[in-house]
Amino acid sequence: QCTVKTLRVDADKTGARLKGYTYITFSNIGPNACYNECIRRTKCRSFNYNSITRRCDINKMTSSSETDFVDETNCVYVDMTQYRGDSYYDPCPGSDACVEGEFCQTLKDNINICNIDVK
């Protein structure tokens, strides 16, 4: 499980990683930061997080097909579909959301802006 502020995100799969759909990877970050990097990107549909290597894979797809996953110890897979558009979870929900290829950044005074993503 990942803990984000007071939010507790349950993994959709444990001990497995979605393969073939990663478009950006972050190294040496915690599970909270991984969730935040994903939710801020409209393109992110799911993420893999390995608690030992502290690797965060941001995925452009979700899947429930067992053939799309590989076994990986200490890894969790989280489908972000249920968190999108809900202002409690999503910093840029609704019409203020960033478009694909951008990510949301919250500035002081809770002002949200969209920046071009790295890829």
C-alpha atoms as a PDB file:
ATOM      1  CA  GLN A   1       0.000   0.000   0.000  1.00  0.00           C
ATOM      2  CA  CYS A   2       1.039   3.583  -0.620  1.00  0.00           C
ATOM      3  CA  THR A   3       0.182   6.400   1.755  1.00  0.00           C
ATOM      4  CA  VAL A   4      -0.407   9.858   0.311  1.00  0.00           C
ATOM      5  CA  LYS A   5      -1.156  12.584   2.883  1.00  0.00           C
ATOM      6  CA  THR A   6      -4.193  11.057   4.615  1.00  0.00           C
ATOM      7  CA  LEU A   7      -5.093   9.053   1.519  1.00  0.00           C
ATOM      8  CA  ARG A   8      -4.387   5.334   1.574  1.00  0.00           C
ATOM      9  CA  VAL A   9      -4.104   3.845  -1.905  1.00  0.00           C
ATOM     10  CA  ASP A  10      -4.560   0.099  -2.152  1.00  0.00           C
ATOM     11  CA  ALA A  11      -2.491  -1.705  -4.731  1.00  0.00           C
ATOM     12  CA  ASP A  12      -4.469  -3.414  -7.469  1.00  0.00           C
ATOM     13  CA  LYS A  13      -1.698  -6.037  -7.745  1.00  0.00           C
ATOM     14  CA  THR A  14       1.189  -6.877  -5.425  1.00  0.00           C
ATOM     15  CA  GLY A  15       4.360  -8.663  -6.469  1.00  0.00           C
ATOM     16  CA  ALA A  16       3.769  -7.724 -10.118  1.00  0.00           C
ATOM     17  CA  ARG A  17       4.646  -4.985 -12.585  1.00  0.00           C
ATOM     18  CA  LEU A  18       2.758  -3.937 -15.714  1.00  0.00           C
ATOM     19  CA  LYS A  19       5.189  -4.361 -18.612  1.00  0.00           C
ATOM     20  CA  GLY A  20       5.471  -2.573 -21.928  1.00  0.00           C
ATOM     21  CA  TYR A  21       3.474   0.597 -21.199  1.00  0.00           C
ATOM     22  CA  THR A  22       5.927   2.722 -19.181  1.00  0.00           C
ATOM     23  CA  TYR A  23       6.548   6.180 -20.617  1.00  0.00           C
ATOM     24  CA  ILE A  24       8.585   7.716 -17.796  1.00  0.00           C
ATOM     25  CA  THR A  25      10.478   6.308 -14.817  1.00  0.00           C
ATOM     26  CA  PHE A  26      11.484   8.100 -11.622  1.00  0.00           C
ATOM     27  CA  SER A  27      14.289   6.786  -9.422  1.00  0.00           C
ATOM     28  CA  ASN A  28      14.866   7.100  -5.692  1.00  0.00           C
ATOM     29  CA  ILE A  29      11.434   8.421  -4.780  1.00  0.00           C
ATOM     30  CA  GLY A  30       8.918   7.226  -2.234  1.00  0.00           C
ATOM     31  CA  PRO A  31       5.434   5.853  -2.853  1.00  0.00           C
ATOM     32  CA  ASN A  32       3.784   9.208  -2.063  1.00  0.00           C
ATOM     33  CA  ALA A  33       5.914  10.971  -4.666  1.00  0.00           C
ATOM     34  CA  CYS A  34       5.196   8.209  -7.194  1.00  0.00           C
ATOM     35  CA  TYR A  35       1.440   8.620  -6.715  1.00  0.00           C
ATOM     36  CA  ASN A  36       1.816  12.411  -7.024  1.00  0.00           C
ATOM     37  CA  GLU A  37       3.854  12.159 -10.236  1.00  0.00           C
ATOM     38  CA  CYS A  38       1.181   9.928 -11.731  1.00  0.00           C
ATOM     39  CA  ILE A  39      -1.968  11.794 -10.675  1.00  0.00           C
ATOM     40  CA  ARG A  40      -0.565  15.085 -11.977  1.00  0.00           C
ATOM     41  CA  ARG A  41      -0.135  13.621 -15.474  1.00  0.00           C
ATOM     42  CA  THR A  42      -3.261  13.135 -17.557  1.00  0.00           C
ATOM     43  CA  LYS A  43      -1.392  10.549 -19.643  1.00  0.00           C
ATOM     44  CA  CYS A  44      -0.730   8.396 -16.558  1.00  0.00           C
ATOM     45  CA  ARG A  45      -3.274   5.614 -16.288  1.00  0.00           C
ATOM     46  CA  SER A  46      -1.394   3.450 -13.770  1.00  0.00           C
ATOM     47  CA  PHE A  47       1.942   3.093 -12.019  1.00  0.00           C
ATOM     48  CA  ASN A  48       4.337   0.436 -10.747  1.00  0.00           C
ATOM     49  CA  TYR A  49       6.269   1.090  -7.560  1.00  0.00           C
ATOM     50  CA  ASN A  50       9.124  -1.031  -6.209  1.00  0.00           C
ATOM     51  CA  SER A  51       9.731  -0.333  -2.524  1.00  0.00           C
ATOM     52  CA  ILE A  52      13.264  -1.788  -2.452  1.00  0.00           C
ATOM     53  CA  THR A  53      14.704  -0.081  -5.548  1.00  0.00           C
ATOM     54  CA  ARG A  54      12.438   2.989  -5.044  1.00  0.00           C
ATOM     55  CA  ARG A  55      11.618   2.919  -8.753  1.00  0.00           C
ATOM     56  CA  CYS A  56       8.397   4.470 -10.016  1.00  0.00           C
ATOM     57  CA  ASP A  57       7.157   3.563 -13.506  1.00  0.00           C
ATOM     58  CA  ILE A  58       4.452   5.841 -14.886  1.00  0.00           C
ATOM     59  CA  ASN A  59       2.295   3.841 -17.323  1.00  0.00           C
ATOM     60  CA  LYS A  60       0.195   5.116 -20.214  1.00  0.00           C
ATOM     61  CA  MET A  61      -2.184   2.129 -19.957  1.00  0.00           C
ATOM     62  CA  THR A  62      -4.017  -0.019 -17.450  1.00  0.00           C
ATOM     63  CA  SER A  63      -4.602  -3.728 -17.712  1.00  0.00           C
ATOM     64  CA  SER A  64      -6.333  -6.577 -15.995  1.00  0.00           C
ATOM     65  CA  SER A  65      -4.878  -9.238 -18.319  1.00  0.00           C
ATOM     66  CA  GLU A  66      -2.406 -11.480 -16.497  1.00  0.00           C
ATOM     67  CA  THR A  67      -0.254 -11.665 -19.646  1.00  0.00           C
ATOM     68  CA  ASP A  68       0.547  -7.930 -19.363  1.00  0.00           C
ATOM     69  CA  PHE A  69       2.277  -8.403 -15.995  1.00  0.00           C
ATOM     70  CA  VAL A  70       5.612  -9.806 -14.896  1.00  0.00           C
ATOM     71  CA  ASP A  71       6.412 -11.004 -11.399  1.00  0.00           C
ATOM     72  CA  GLU A  72       8.545  -8.557  -9.423  1.00  0.00           C
ATOM     73  CA  THR A  73       9.157  -8.898  -5.702  1.00  0.00           C
ATOM     74  CA  ASN A  74       8.408  -5.761  -3.654  1.00  0.00           C
ATOM     75  CA  CYS A  75       6.505  -4.161  -6.537  1.00  0.00           C
ATOM     76  CA  VAL A  76       2.919  -2.940  -6.557  1.00  0.00           C
ATOM     77  CA  TYR A  77       0.701  -1.933  -9.466  1.00  0.00           C
ATOM     78  CA  VAL A  78      -1.930   0.793  -9.010  1.00  0.00           C
ATOM     79  CA  ASP A  79      -4.699   1.577 -11.525  1.00  0.00           C
ATOM     80  CA  MET A  80      -5.414   5.324 -11.305  1.00  0.00           C
ATOM     81  CA  THR A  81      -8.842   5.256 -12.995  1.00  0.00           C
ATOM     82  CA  GLN A  82     -10.778   5.467  -9.736  1.00  0.00           C
ATOM     83  CA  TYR A  83      -8.873   8.572  -8.576  1.00  0.00           C
ATOM     84  CA  ARG A  84      -9.190  10.691 -11.734  1.00  0.00           C
ATOM     85  CA  GLY A  85     -11.530  13.666 -11.630  1.00  0.00           C
ATOM     86  CA  ASP A  86     -12.128  13.528  -7.878  1.00  0.00           C
ATOM     87  CA  SER A  87     -10.871  16.762  -6.279  1.00  0.00           C
ATOM     88  CA  TYR A  88      -9.901  14.875  -3.127  1.00  0.00           C
ATOM     89  CA  TYR A  89      -7.350  12.801  -5.058  1.00  0.00           C
ATOM     90  CA  ASP A  90      -6.695  14.794  -8.240  1.00  0.00           C
ATOM     91  CA  PRO A  91      -5.026  18.241  -8.029  1.00  0.00           C
ATOM     92  CA  CYS A  92      -6.466  19.349 -11.402  1.00  0.00           C
ATOM     93  CA  PRO A  93      -9.875  17.713 -11.766  1.00  0.00           C
ATOM     94  CA  GLY A  94     -12.608  18.569 -14.231  1.00  0.00           C
ATOM     95  CA  SER A  95     -12.324  21.341 -16.794  1.00  0.00           C
ATOM     96  CA  ASP A  96      -9.134  22.694 -15.214  1.00  0.00           C
ATOM     97  CA  ALA A  97      -7.272  19.474 -15.980  1.00  0.00           C
ATOM     98  CA  CYS A  98      -4.131  19.553 -18.075  1.00  0.00           C
ATOM     99  CA  VAL A  99      -4.174  18.005 -21.526  1.00  0.00           C
ATOM    100  CA  GLU A 100      -2.171  14.946 -22.512  1.00  0.00           C
ATOM    101  CA  GLY A 101       1.528  15.777 -22.673  1.00  0.00           C
ATOM    102  CA  GLU A 102       1.292  18.206 -19.765  1.00  0.00           C
ATOM    103  CA  PHE A 103       1.383  17.832 -16.005  1.00  0.00           C
ATOM    104  CA  CYS A 104      -0.316  19.844 -13.295  1.00  0.00           C
ATOM    105  CA  GLN A 105       1.741  21.866 -10.850  1.00  0.00           C
ATOM    106  CA  THR A 106       0.209  23.526  -7.812  1.00  0.00           C
ATOM    107  CA  LEU A 107       1.816  26.848  -6.916  1.00  0.00           C
ATOM    108  CA  LYS A 108       1.514  28.922  -3.764  1.00  0.00           C
ATOM    109  CA  ASP A 109      -2.016  30.068  -3.023  1.00  0.00           C
ATOM    110  CA  ASN A 110      -3.319  26.785  -4.546  1.00  0.00           C
ATOM    111  CA  ILE A 111      -3.042  28.058  -8.121  1.00  0.00           C
ATOM    112  CA  ASN A 112      -2.742  25.207 -10.636  1.00  0.00           C
ATOM    113  CA  ILE A 113      -0.787  25.554 -13.863  1.00  0.00           C
ATOM    114  CA  CYS A 114      -0.004  23.087 -16.648  1.00  0.00           C
ATOM    115  CA  ASN A 115       3.592  22.483 -17.716  1.00  0.00           C
ATOM    116  CA  ILE A 116       4.880  20.511 -20.686  1.00  0.00           C
ATOM    117  CA  ASP A 117       5.900  17.018 -19.630  1.00  0.00           C
ATOM    118  CA  VAL A 118       9.440  15.725 -20.169  1.00  0.00           C
ATOM    119  CA  LYS A 119       8.406  13.270 -22.889  1.00  0.00           C
END
